[in-house]
Amino acid sequence: MKHDILGEIKRDSDDGAASIDYESRKIDVKIIPDGQPFETALKLAADVVARLGEYDMTAKQIIVKDLRGTYNSGWNEFDEVQEDGSLKAVTNPQRSAAEFEKRFSLVGINVTGNTVVTLFYEDSGLFWGHSVFVSSLNGMDFSDAHADFFG
């Protein structure tokens, strides 16, 4: 199915998936109705993508607020295995808010039902390969959104 904002949408059972261009890269968009009509989740996905620059900027600010302290208080330190099997302590510099924010690139969007929007980020290795995401349970209202990581 073709959509004006999301482009080609592939349907798999009840869900949908699209790929959009954003800042010179492809971003995967997953549309998960979660008991709502597909058109409801599709509309939310299109609304988010239409204002993606704004949501990306807001989400990165949330990442800084929620995760920079975590990074600066331990995730910037690790042991590196040397050729002889010994460990060498490595401490990366703490990051300012601006430096930290620049390390994140949007890679995916999930829209679930009519209320859940999740933006996924690549973190340039800051959290050792974990997936960083920002979720809003209030649709396009990111005032109570939060950042976290898993993996």
N, C-alpha and C. Protein backbone atom coordinates (compact mmCIF):
# COMPACT_ATOMS: atom_id res chain seq x y z
N MET A 1 0.85 -1.18 0.00
CA MET A 1 0.00 0.00 0.00
C MET A 1 0.89 1.23 0.00
N LYS A 2 0.51 2.24 -0.75
CA LYS A 2 1.28 3.48 -0.87
C LYS A 2 0.65 4.56 0.02
N HIS A 3 1.52 5.29 0.75
CA HIS A 3 1.07 6.36 1.64
C HIS A 3 1.83 7.64 1.29
N ASP A 4 1.16 8.78 1.35
CA ASP A 4 1.77 10.06 0.97
C ASP A 4 3.00 10.41 1.81
N ILE A 5 2.98 10.13 3.10
CA ILE A 5 4.08 10.51 3.99
C ILE A 5 5.05 9.35 4.23
N LEU A 6 4.51 8.16 4.42
CA LEU A 6 5.34 7.00 4.79
C LEU A 6 5.86 6.22 3.59
N GLY A 7 5.38 6.53 2.39
CA GLY A 7 5.81 5.79 1.22
C GLY A 7 5.15 4.43 1.16
N GLU A 8 5.90 3.46 0.71
CA GLU A 8 5.39 2.10 0.58
C GLU A 8 5.29 1.43 1.95
N ILE A 9 4.12 0.94 2.27
CA ILE A 9 3.89 0.24 3.55
C ILE A 9 3.65 -1.22 3.24
N LYS A 10 4.47 -2.07 3.85
CA LYS A 10 4.32 -3.51 3.70
C LYS A 10 3.50 -4.02 4.87
N ARG A 11 2.49 -4.82 4.57
CA ARG A 11 1.63 -5.37 5.62
C ARG A 11 2.03 -6.81 5.90
N ASP A 12 2.11 -7.15 7.17
CA ASP A 12 2.37 -8.51 7.62
C ASP A 12 1.33 -8.80 8.69
N SER A 13 0.35 -9.59 8.34
CA SER A 13 -0.75 -9.85 9.27
C SER A 13 -1.42 -8.52 9.58
N ASP A 14 -1.49 -8.13 10.84
CA ASP A 14 -2.12 -6.86 11.21
C ASP A 14 -1.15 -5.69 11.18
N ASP A 15 0.14 -5.95 11.27
CA ASP A 15 1.14 -4.89 11.39
C ASP A 15 1.55 -4.34 10.03
N GLY A 16 2.24 -3.20 10.08
CA GLY A 16 2.77 -2.60 8.86
C GLY A 16 4.19 -2.13 9.08
N ALA A 17 4.93 -1.98 7.99
CA ALA A 17 6.31 -1.49 8.07
C ALA A 17 6.60 -0.63 6.87
N ALA A 18 7.35 0.43 7.13
CA ALA A 18 7.78 1.34 6.07
C ALA A 18 9.23 1.70 6.31
N SER A 19 9.85 2.30 5.33
CA SER A 19 11.21 2.79 5.44
C SER A 19 11.23 4.19 4.86
N ILE A 20 11.67 5.15 5.67
CA ILE A 20 11.68 6.54 5.21
C ILE A 20 13.11 7.06 5.17
N ASP A 21 13.33 8.10 4.40
CA ASP A 21 14.62 8.78 4.37
C ASP A 21 14.61 9.90 5.41
N TYR A 22 15.67 9.94 6.22
CA TYR A 22 15.80 10.99 7.24
C TYR A 22 17.28 11.24 7.47
N GLU A 23 17.71 12.47 7.30
CA GLU A 23 19.11 12.85 7.49
C GLU A 23 20.08 11.88 6.80
N SER A 24 19.85 11.63 5.54
CA SER A 24 20.73 10.82 4.69
C SER A 24 20.82 9.36 5.09
N ARG A 25 19.81 8.85 5.77
CA ARG A 25 19.80 7.42 6.07
C ARG A 25 18.35 6.92 6.09
N LYS A 26 18.22 5.61 6.04
CA LYS A 26 16.91 4.97 6.07
C LYS A 26 16.50 4.72 7.52
N ILE A 27 15.26 5.05 7.83
CA ILE A 27 14.69 4.82 9.16
C ILE A 27 13.53 3.85 9.00
N ASP A 28 13.56 2.75 9.76
CA ASP A 28 12.46 1.79 9.74
C ASP A 28 11.32 2.29 10.61
N VAL A 29 10.11 2.21 10.08
CA VAL A 29 8.91 2.60 10.82
C VAL A 29 8.01 1.37 10.93
N LYS A 30 7.73 0.96 12.16
CA LYS A 30 6.84 -0.18 12.39
C LYS A 30 5.51 0.35 12.92
N ILE A 31 4.44 -0.16 12.36
CA ILE A 31 3.09 0.25 12.73
C ILE A 31 2.39 -0.98 13.30
N ILE A 32 2.08 -0.92 14.59
CA ILE A 32 1.52 -2.06 15.32
C ILE A 32 0.17 -1.64 15.88
N PRO A 33 -0.93 -2.12 15.32
CA PRO A 33 -2.25 -1.66 15.76
C PRO A 33 -2.58 -1.96 17.23
N ASP A 34 -2.13 -3.08 17.75
CA ASP A 34 -2.34 -3.43 19.16
C ASP A 34 -3.81 -3.28 19.57
N GLY A 35 -4.70 -3.88 18.79
CA GLY A 35 -6.12 -3.86 19.13
C GLY A 35 -6.88 -2.66 18.57
N GLN A 36 -6.18 -1.68 18.05
CA GLN A 36 -6.81 -0.52 17.42
C GLN A 36 -6.94 -0.80 15.92
N PRO A 37 -7.81 -0.09 15.23
CA PRO A 37 -7.82 -0.24 13.77
C PRO A 37 -6.46 0.16 13.19
N PHE A 38 -6.02 -0.52 12.15
CA PHE A 38 -4.73 -0.23 11.54
C PHE A 38 -4.64 1.25 11.15
N GLU A 39 -5.72 1.80 10.63
CA GLU A 39 -5.74 3.19 10.18
C GLU A 39 -5.43 4.16 11.33
N THR A 40 -5.81 3.81 12.55
CA THR A 40 -5.54 4.67 13.72
C THR A 40 -4.04 4.73 13.99
N ALA A 41 -3.40 3.56 14.02
CA ALA A 41 -1.95 3.52 14.23
C ALA A 41 -1.22 4.14 13.05
N LEU A 42 -1.71 3.93 11.85
CA LEU A 42 -1.12 4.51 10.64
C LEU A 42 -1.15 6.04 10.70
N LYS A 43 -2.26 6.61 11.15
CA LYS A 43 -2.38 8.06 11.26
C LYS A 43 -1.36 8.60 12.26
N LEU A 44 -1.22 7.95 13.41
CA LEU A 44 -0.24 8.39 14.41
C LEU A 44 1.17 8.30 13.83
N ALA A 45 1.49 7.22 13.13
CA ALA A 45 2.82 7.08 12.53
C ALA A 45 3.07 8.20 11.52
N ALA A 46 2.10 8.50 10.69
CA ALA A 46 2.26 9.55 9.68
C ALA A 46 2.42 10.92 10.36
N ASP A 47 1.66 11.16 11.42
CA ASP A 47 1.78 12.43 12.14
C ASP A 47 3.16 12.60 12.76
N VAL A 48 3.70 11.53 13.33
CA VAL A 48 5.05 11.58 13.93
C VAL A 48 6.09 11.83 12.84
N VAL A 49 6.02 11.10 11.74
CA VAL A 49 7.00 11.26 10.67
C VAL A 49 6.91 12.65 10.05
N ALA A 50 5.72 13.20 9.95
CA ALA A 50 5.56 14.54 9.38
C ALA A 50 6.27 15.60 10.23
N ARG A 51 6.44 15.34 11.51
CA ARG A 51 7.12 16.27 12.42
C ARG A 51 8.37 15.63 13.03
N LEU A 52 9.02 14.75 12.28
CA LEU A 52 10.12 13.95 12.82
C LEU A 52 11.30 14.79 13.29
N GLY A 53 11.63 15.87 12.62
CA GLY A 53 12.74 16.71 13.07
C GLY A 53 12.51 17.22 14.48
N GLU A 54 11.30 17.65 14.76
CA GLU A 54 10.94 18.13 16.10
C GLU A 54 11.01 17.01 17.14
N TYR A 55 10.45 15.83 16.80
CA TYR A 55 10.46 14.72 17.76
C TYR A 55 11.86 14.17 17.98
N ASP A 56 12.67 14.14 16.95
CA ASP A 56 14.05 13.69 17.09
C ASP A 56 14.82 14.62 18.03
N MET A 57 14.67 15.91 17.85
CA MET A 57 15.35 16.87 18.72
C MET A 57 14.87 16.73 20.17
N THR A 58 13.57 16.61 20.37
CA THR A 58 13.02 16.44 21.71
C THR A 58 13.51 15.15 22.34
N ALA A 59 13.50 14.07 21.59
CA ALA A 59 13.95 12.77 22.11
C ALA A 59 15.42 12.81 22.52
N LYS A 60 16.26 13.48 21.74
CA LYS A 60 17.67 13.58 22.09
C LYS A 60 17.86 14.38 23.38
N GLN A 61 17.05 15.40 23.58
CA GLN A 61 17.11 16.16 24.84
C GLN A 61 16.70 15.28 26.02
N ILE A 62 15.72 14.41 25.80
CA ILE A 62 15.30 13.47 26.85
C ILE A 62 16.42 12.46 27.13
N ILE A 63 17.09 11.99 26.09
CA ILE A 63 18.22 11.07 26.28
C ILE A 63 19.29 11.74 27.14
N VAL A 64 19.61 12.98 26.84
CA VAL A 64 20.62 13.71 27.63
C VAL A 64 20.16 13.79 29.09
N LYS A 65 18.92 14.18 29.31
CA LYS A 65 18.40 14.36 30.67
C LYS A 65 18.39 13.03 31.43
N ASP A 66 17.96 11.96 30.78
CA ASP A 66 17.78 10.68 31.47
C ASP A 66 19.01 9.80 31.52
N LEU A 67 19.93 9.91 30.56
CA LEU A 67 21.02 8.93 30.47
C LEU A 67 22.44 9.48 30.58
N ARG A 68 22.63 10.77 30.44
CA ARG A 68 24.00 11.31 30.48
C ARG A 68 24.66 11.05 31.83
N GLY A 69 23.94 11.24 32.92
CA GLY A 69 24.50 10.98 34.24
C GLY A 69 24.90 9.52 34.40
N THR A 70 24.10 8.62 33.86
CA THR A 70 24.42 7.18 33.91
C THR A 70 25.71 6.90 33.17
N TYR A 71 25.86 7.49 31.98
CA TYR A 71 27.09 7.30 31.22
C TYR A 71 28.28 7.86 31.98
N ASN A 72 28.16 9.09 32.44
CA ASN A 72 29.29 9.77 33.09
C ASN A 72 29.66 9.18 34.44
N SER A 73 28.79 8.39 35.03
CA SER A 73 29.10 7.82 36.34
C SER A 73 29.43 6.34 36.29
N GLY A 74 29.93 5.86 35.17
CA GLY A 74 30.38 4.47 35.15
C GLY A 74 30.43 3.81 33.79
N TRP A 75 29.53 4.14 32.88
CA TRP A 75 29.54 3.51 31.57
C TRP A 75 30.71 3.99 30.72
N ASN A 76 31.36 5.07 31.13
CA ASN A 76 32.53 5.56 30.41
C ASN A 76 33.81 4.85 30.84
N GLU A 77 33.70 3.91 31.77
CA GLU A 77 34.85 3.15 32.27
C GLU A 77 34.68 1.67 31.97
N PHE A 78 35.76 1.02 31.55
CA PHE A 78 35.70 -0.41 31.27
C PHE A 78 37.10 -0.98 31.28
N ASP A 79 37.18 -2.31 31.28
CA ASP A 79 38.45 -3.01 31.20
C ASP A 79 38.62 -3.53 29.78
N GLU A 80 39.79 -3.28 29.21
CA GLU A 80 40.10 -3.72 27.86
C GLU A 80 41.09 -4.88 27.95
N VAL A 81 40.76 -5.98 27.28
CA VAL A 81 41.63 -7.16 27.28
C VAL A 81 42.83 -6.90 26.38
N GLN A 82 44.02 -7.14 26.91
CA GLN A 82 45.27 -6.96 26.18
C GLN A 82 45.65 -8.26 25.49
N GLU A 83 46.64 -8.22 24.59
CA GLU A 83 47.08 -9.41 23.86
C GLU A 83 47.53 -10.53 24.79
N ASP A 84 48.12 -10.18 25.93
CA ASP A 84 48.59 -11.22 26.87
C ASP A 84 47.49 -11.72 27.79
N GLY A 85 46.25 -11.24 27.60
CA GLY A 85 45.13 -11.68 28.43
C GLY A 85 44.89 -10.82 29.65
N SER A 86 45.80 -9.93 29.93
CA SER A 86 45.61 -9.04 31.08
C SER A 86 44.57 -7.97 30.74
N LEU A 87 44.12 -7.29 31.77
CA LEU A 87 43.13 -6.24 31.59
C LEU A 87 43.75 -4.87 31.83
N LYS A 88 43.34 -3.93 31.01
CA LYS A 88 43.80 -2.56 31.16
C LYS A 88 42.57 -1.69 31.40
N ALA A 89 42.58 -0.92 32.48
CA ALA A 89 41.46 -0.03 32.78
C ALA A 89 41.45 1.13 31.80
N VAL A 90 40.27 1.39 31.21
CA VAL A 90 40.10 2.48 30.26
C VAL A 90 39.02 3.40 30.81
N THR A 91 39.29 4.68 30.78
CA THR A 91 38.29 5.67 31.19
C THR A 91 38.13 6.67 30.06
N ASN A 92 36.97 6.63 29.43
CA ASN A 92 36.65 7.62 28.40
C ASN A 92 36.24 8.91 29.10
N PRO A 93 36.39 10.03 28.42
CA PRO A 93 36.03 11.30 29.07
C PRO A 93 34.53 11.38 29.34
N GLN A 94 34.20 12.11 30.40
CA GLN A 94 32.80 12.41 30.64
C GLN A 94 32.34 13.34 29.52
N ARG A 95 31.08 13.31 29.21
CA ARG A 95 30.54 14.06 28.08
C ARG A 95 29.66 15.21 28.57
N SER A 96 29.84 16.37 27.95
CA SER A 96 28.92 17.49 28.20
C SER A 96 27.58 17.14 27.55
N ALA A 97 26.56 17.89 27.86
CA ALA A 97 25.24 17.65 27.27
C ALA A 97 25.32 17.70 25.74
N ALA A 98 25.99 18.70 25.20
CA ALA A 98 26.09 18.84 23.74
C ALA A 98 26.88 17.68 23.13
N GLU A 99 27.99 17.30 23.75
CA GLU A 99 28.80 16.18 23.23
C GLU A 99 28.01 14.88 23.28
N PHE A 100 27.29 14.66 24.37
CA PHE A 100 26.52 13.44 24.55
C PHE A 100 25.41 13.36 23.49
N GLU A 101 24.69 14.45 23.30
CA GLU A 101 23.57 14.47 22.35
C GLU A 101 24.04 14.16 20.93
N LYS A 102 25.19 14.66 20.54
CA LYS A 102 25.70 14.45 19.18
C LYS A 102 26.00 12.98 18.88
N ARG A 103 26.13 12.14 19.89
CA ARG A 103 26.49 10.74 19.69
C ARG A 103 25.31 9.87 19.27
N PHE A 104 24.10 10.42 19.26
CA PHE A 104 22.90 9.62 19.01
C PHE A 104 22.30 9.90 17.63
N SER A 105 21.98 8.80 16.94
CA SER A 105 21.36 8.88 15.61
C SER A 105 20.10 8.03 15.59
N LEU A 106 19.02 8.60 15.13
CA LEU A 106 17.75 7.89 15.03
C LEU A 106 17.88 6.75 14.01
N VAL A 107 17.40 5.55 14.40
CA VAL A 107 17.46 4.40 13.49
C VAL A 107 16.11 3.73 13.29
N GLY A 108 15.14 4.00 14.17
CA GLY A 108 13.86 3.32 14.00
C GLY A 108 12.76 3.98 14.80
N ILE A 109 11.53 3.73 14.36
CA ILE A 109 10.34 4.24 15.01
C ILE A 109 9.33 3.11 15.11
N ASN A 110 8.77 2.92 16.29
CA ASN A 110 7.63 2.02 16.47
C ASN A 110 6.44 2.84 16.93
N VAL A 111 5.30 2.61 16.30
CA VAL A 111 4.05 3.21 16.75
C VAL A 111 3.14 2.04 17.10
N THR A 112 2.63 2.06 18.33
CA THR A 112 1.79 0.97 18.81
C THR A 112 0.44 1.54 19.22
N GLY A 113 -0.60 1.05 18.56
CA GLY A 113 -1.96 1.51 18.86
C GLY A 113 -2.10 2.99 18.57
N ASN A 114 -2.85 3.66 19.43
CA ASN A 114 -3.08 5.09 19.23
C ASN A 114 -2.37 5.94 20.27
N THR A 115 -1.46 5.32 21.08
CA THR A 115 -0.84 6.09 22.16
C THR A 115 0.66 5.91 22.34
N VAL A 116 1.27 4.86 21.83
CA VAL A 116 2.67 4.59 22.15
C VAL A 116 3.56 4.89 20.94
N VAL A 117 4.53 5.79 21.16
CA VAL A 117 5.52 6.12 20.15
C VAL A 117 6.90 5.86 20.77
N THR A 118 7.71 5.05 20.08
CA THR A 118 9.05 4.73 20.56
C THR A 118 10.04 5.05 19.44
N LEU A 119 11.05 5.87 19.78
CA LEU A 119 12.11 6.20 18.85
C LEU A 119 13.38 5.47 19.30
N PHE A 120 14.03 4.76 18.38
CA PHE A 120 15.23 3.98 18.69
C PHE A 120 16.47 4.69 18.14
N TYR A 121 17.57 4.61 18.91
CA TYR A 121 18.78 5.35 18.58
C TYR A 121 20.01 4.46 18.59
N GLU A 122 20.94 4.75 17.69
CA GLU A 122 22.29 4.20 17.72
C GLU A 122 23.09 5.17 18.58
N ASP A 123 23.93 4.65 19.46
CA ASP A 123 24.59 5.50 20.47
C ASP A 123 26.10 5.63 20.30
N SER A 124 26.64 5.29 19.15
CA SER A 124 28.08 5.38 18.89
C SER A 124 28.91 4.60 19.91
N GLY A 125 28.34 3.53 20.45
CA GLY A 125 29.06 2.67 21.38
C GLY A 125 29.11 3.14 22.83
N LEU A 126 28.42 4.22 23.15
CA LEU A 126 28.48 4.74 24.53
C LEU A 126 27.98 3.72 25.55
N PHE A 127 26.95 2.96 25.20
CA PHE A 127 26.38 1.99 26.12
C PHE A 127 26.66 0.56 25.66
N TRP A 128 27.82 0.38 25.04
CA TRP A 128 28.40 -0.93 24.71
C TRP A 128 27.45 -1.83 23.92
N GLY A 129 26.76 -1.27 22.94
CA GLY A 129 25.91 -2.08 22.07
C GLY A 129 24.47 -2.24 22.53
N HIS A 130 24.11 -1.65 23.64
CA HIS A 130 22.72 -1.70 24.08
C HIS A 130 21.87 -0.81 23.18
N SER A 131 20.60 -1.11 23.10
CA SER A 131 19.66 -0.33 22.30
C SER A 131 19.10 0.81 23.15
N VAL A 132 19.24 2.03 22.69
CA VAL A 132 18.74 3.21 23.40
C VAL A 132 17.43 3.64 22.75
N PHE A 133 16.43 3.93 23.57
CA PHE A 133 15.14 4.32 23.02
C PHE A 133 14.47 5.37 23.90
N VAL A 134 13.56 6.12 23.29
CA VAL A 134 12.73 7.09 23.99
C VAL A 134 11.29 6.71 23.70
N SER A 135 10.47 6.59 24.77
CA SER A 135 9.08 6.20 24.62
C SER A 135 8.13 7.24 25.18
N SER A 136 7.08 7.48 24.42
CA SER A 136 5.96 8.29 24.89
C SER A 136 4.74 7.39 24.94
N LEU A 137 4.08 7.37 26.08
CA LEU A 137 2.84 6.60 26.22
C LEU A 137 1.63 7.48 25.94
N ASN A 138 1.89 8.72 25.57
CA ASN A 138 0.82 9.69 25.30
C ASN A 138 0.84 10.15 23.85
N GLY A 139 1.15 9.26 22.94
CA GLY A 139 1.16 9.61 21.53
C GLY A 139 2.19 10.67 21.21
N MET A 140 1.75 11.75 20.60
CA MET A 140 2.66 12.80 20.16
C MET A 140 3.02 13.77 21.28
N ASP A 141 2.49 13.58 22.45
CA ASP A 141 2.83 14.41 23.61
C ASP A 141 4.03 13.77 24.31
N PHE A 142 5.22 14.35 24.12
CA PHE A 142 6.45 13.80 24.69
C PHE A 142 6.79 14.43 26.04
N SER A 143 5.86 15.15 26.66
CA SER A 143 6.16 15.84 27.92
C SER A 143 6.47 14.85 29.05
N ASP A 144 5.94 13.64 28.98
CA ASP A 144 6.24 12.62 30.00
C ASP A 144 7.06 11.46 29.43
N ALA A 145 7.65 11.66 28.26
CA ALA A 145 8.45 10.59 27.65
C ALA A 145 9.71 10.34 28.46
N HIS A 146 10.27 9.14 28.31
CA HIS A 146 11.50 8.80 29.04
C HIS A 146 12.43 8.02 28.13
N ALA A 147 13.72 8.08 28.47
CA ALA A 147 14.75 7.33 27.73
C ALA A 147 15.25 6.18 28.58
N ASP A 148 15.63 5.11 27.91
CA ASP A 148 16.18 3.95 28.61
C ASP A 148 17.00 3.16 27.60
N PHE A 149 17.60 2.06 28.04
CA PHE A 149 18.32 1.18 27.13
C PHE A 149 18.17 -0.25 27.58
N PHE A 150 18.34 -1.18 26.64
CA PHE A 150 18.26 -2.60 26.94
C PHE A 150 19.18 -3.36 26.01
N GLY A 151 19.37 -4.63 26.30
CA GLY A 151 20.15 -5.46 25.41
C GLY A 151 21.35 -5.96 25.98
